[in-house]
Each structure stands twice: as structure tokens, then as C-alpha cells.
């Protein structure tokens, strides 16, 4: 029996490539299911946004307001919010900024001898 001489990093890259392909196929399947769901509705009832298999989709034209409200939503504590366009989620950068600020404050307090909160 011969052993694979593939270095560890090459195996990792190959595994990540397979995972990426699997995620791409899953995203395409969800997008197809979302479009099919909308096309089954009478034209007057098609909204082009909703959920399929628990995953949000939105195929309406993006606007600047919509992009800003999804990607920077300080009133929304959720880290992941529905994509501006397409299937899935995007990161709420306001939530990330709040988390980074909290960690930074906690670390400064810990370095000053205060117990972390």
C-alpha cells in the first residue's frame, strides 16, 4: 500500500475547495427553489422575497437605503441579517462594531486590574 505524499496544506486546500463547491451547489439549489416558489404564485402575489427551507431570499432590486439598513443596523443586535440581494445572510457591521468595542473595553478593564464583565 502506498501512502499519499500530499502535504497537509494541499489536503486542506482540496478539502476547502470541496466545501466551497458544496456550498455553491446548495446556494444554487436554494435560489432555484426560491424562484420556483415565487413562480408558483399568481403574478399579482409575487413578492420576490421571503424564506425557503428557513433561509431568507430577496430578489428585489437593491437600493442604497436597503443596503445601508441591512449592512449597518445598529438597532438590530443580530450578527447575521438577510442578504440585500440573493439567498442567505450577510454580516451586520454595526453588530460587529459593537462586539469589537465591548471586547476592547473588557480587555482595557482587565489590563487595568478590573475584573472582566
Protein backbone atom coordinates (compact mmCIF):
# COMPACT_ATOMS: atom_id res chain seq x y z
CA UNK A 1 0.00 0.00 0.00
CA UNK A 2 1.36 3.39 -0.95
CA UNK A 3 0.81 6.38 1.20
CA UNK A 4 -0.30 9.69 -0.17
CA UNK A 5 2.57 12.13 -0.28
CA UNK A 6 0.28 15.12 -0.47
CA UNK A 7 1.42 17.74 2.03
CA UNK A 8 -1.04 18.71 4.75
CA UNK A 9 -1.61 22.17 3.32
CA UNK A 10 -2.53 20.73 -0.10
CA UNK A 11 -5.04 18.39 1.55
CA UNK A 12 -6.51 21.34 3.42
CA UNK A 13 -6.85 23.34 0.21
CA UNK A 14 -8.51 20.38 -1.52
CA UNK A 15 -10.95 19.96 1.38
CA UNK A 16 -11.78 23.67 1.37
CA UNK A 17 -12.35 23.52 -2.39
CA UNK A 18 -14.81 20.65 -1.94
CA UNK A 19 -16.61 22.53 0.82
CA UNK A 20 -16.78 25.64 -1.38
CA UNK A 21 -18.26 23.65 -4.24
CA UNK A 22 -20.80 22.04 -1.91
CA UNK A 23 -21.85 25.46 -0.58
CA UNK A 24 -22.14 26.81 -4.13
CA UNK A 25 -24.38 23.91 -5.14
CA UNK A 26 -26.50 24.39 -2.00
CA UNK A 27 -26.85 28.14 -2.68
CA UNK A 28 -27.84 27.49 -6.30
CA UNK A 29 -30.41 24.90 -5.19
CA UNK A 30 -31.90 27.32 -2.65
CA UNK A 31 -32.01 30.12 -5.24
CA UNK A 32 -33.76 27.79 -7.69
CA UNK A 33 -36.25 26.74 -5.02
CA UNK A 34 -36.93 30.39 -4.13
CA UNK A 35 -37.55 31.35 -7.77
CA UNK A 36 -39.77 28.29 -8.24
CA UNK A 37 -41.71 29.25 -5.11
CA UNK A 38 -42.35 32.74 -6.48
CA UNK A 39 -43.29 31.48 -9.95
CA UNK A 40 -45.90 29.13 -8.46
CA UNK A 41 -47.76 32.18 -7.14
CA UNK A 42 -50.12 34.21 -9.31
CA UNK A 43 -48.22 37.20 -10.77
CA UNK A 44 -50.07 39.69 -8.57
CA UNK A 45 -48.96 37.83 -5.41
CA UNK A 46 -45.25 37.53 -6.23
CA UNK A 47 -43.17 39.49 -3.72
CA UNK A 48 -39.72 38.12 -4.69
CA UNK A 49 -38.65 37.97 -1.05
CA UNK A 50 -39.29 35.51 1.76
CA UNK A 51 -37.81 32.24 3.05
CA UNK A 52 -37.17 28.84 1.56
CA UNK A 53 -36.14 25.98 3.86
CA UNK A 54 -35.62 28.57 6.62
CA UNK A 55 -33.14 30.57 4.51
CA UNK A 56 -34.07 34.15 3.58
CA UNK A 57 -34.12 35.30 -0.04
CA UNK A 58 -34.66 38.68 -1.65
CA UNK A 59 -34.64 39.16 -5.41
CA UNK A 60 -35.94 42.74 -5.39
CA UNK A 61 -33.65 45.42 -6.83
CA UNK A 62 -31.26 46.69 -4.15
CA UNK A 63 -31.41 50.35 -3.17
CA UNK A 64 -28.88 52.41 -1.25
CA UNK A 65 -31.29 52.59 1.70
CA UNK A 66 -31.76 48.82 1.68
CA UNK A 67 -28.01 48.19 1.56
CA UNK A 68 -27.39 50.55 4.46
CA UNK A 69 -30.28 49.20 6.54
CA UNK A 70 -29.05 45.61 6.15
CA UNK A 71 -25.30 46.09 6.44
CA UNK A 72 -25.38 48.76 9.17
CA UNK A 73 -28.31 48.19 11.52
CA UNK A 74 -27.29 49.44 14.99
CA UNK A 75 -30.80 48.80 16.36
CA UNK A 76 -30.60 45.14 15.35
CA UNK A 77 -28.40 43.04 17.67
CA UNK A 78 -28.25 40.15 15.17
CA UNK A 79 -24.83 39.43 13.72
CA UNK A 80 -26.29 37.89 10.55
CA UNK A 81 -29.11 39.56 8.62
CA UNK A 82 -30.75 38.62 5.29
CA UNK A 83 -28.73 39.42 2.15
CA UNK A 84 -29.51 42.64 0.33
CA UNK A 85 -29.93 40.59 -2.86
CA UNK A 86 -29.91 36.83 -3.27
CA UNK A 87 -30.16 33.92 -0.88
CA UNK A 88 -28.69 33.71 2.60
CA UNK A 89 -27.31 36.12 5.13
CA UNK A 90 -24.83 38.98 5.35
CA UNK A 91 -22.97 40.46 8.31
CA UNK A 92 -24.48 43.37 10.24
CA UNK A 93 -21.35 45.52 10.56
CA UNK A 94 -22.91 47.63 13.33
CA UNK A 95 -23.25 44.48 15.44
CA UNK A 96 -19.62 43.57 14.73
CA UNK A 97 -18.51 47.08 15.71
CA UNK A 98 -20.46 46.79 18.96
CA UNK A 99 -18.88 43.42 19.75
CA UNK A 100 -15.37 44.71 18.97
CA UNK A 101 -15.99 47.75 21.16
CA UNK A 102 -17.24 45.57 24.03
CA UNK A 103 -14.25 43.23 23.80
CA UNK A 104 -11.91 46.22 23.65
CA UNK A 105 -13.50 47.75 26.77
CA UNK A 106 -13.33 44.41 28.56
CA UNK A 107 -9.66 43.98 27.69
CA UNK A 108 -8.78 47.52 28.77
CA UNK A 109 -10.58 46.95 32.06
CA UNK A 110 -8.81 43.60 32.57
CA UNK A 111 -5.41 45.15 31.86
CA UNK A 112 -6.11 47.87 34.41
CA UNK A 113 -6.78 45.25 37.05
CA UNK A 114 -10.57 45.40 36.90
CA UNK A 115 -12.41 42.07 36.70
CA UNK A 116 -13.90 41.38 33.25
CA UNK A 117 -17.65 41.93 32.91
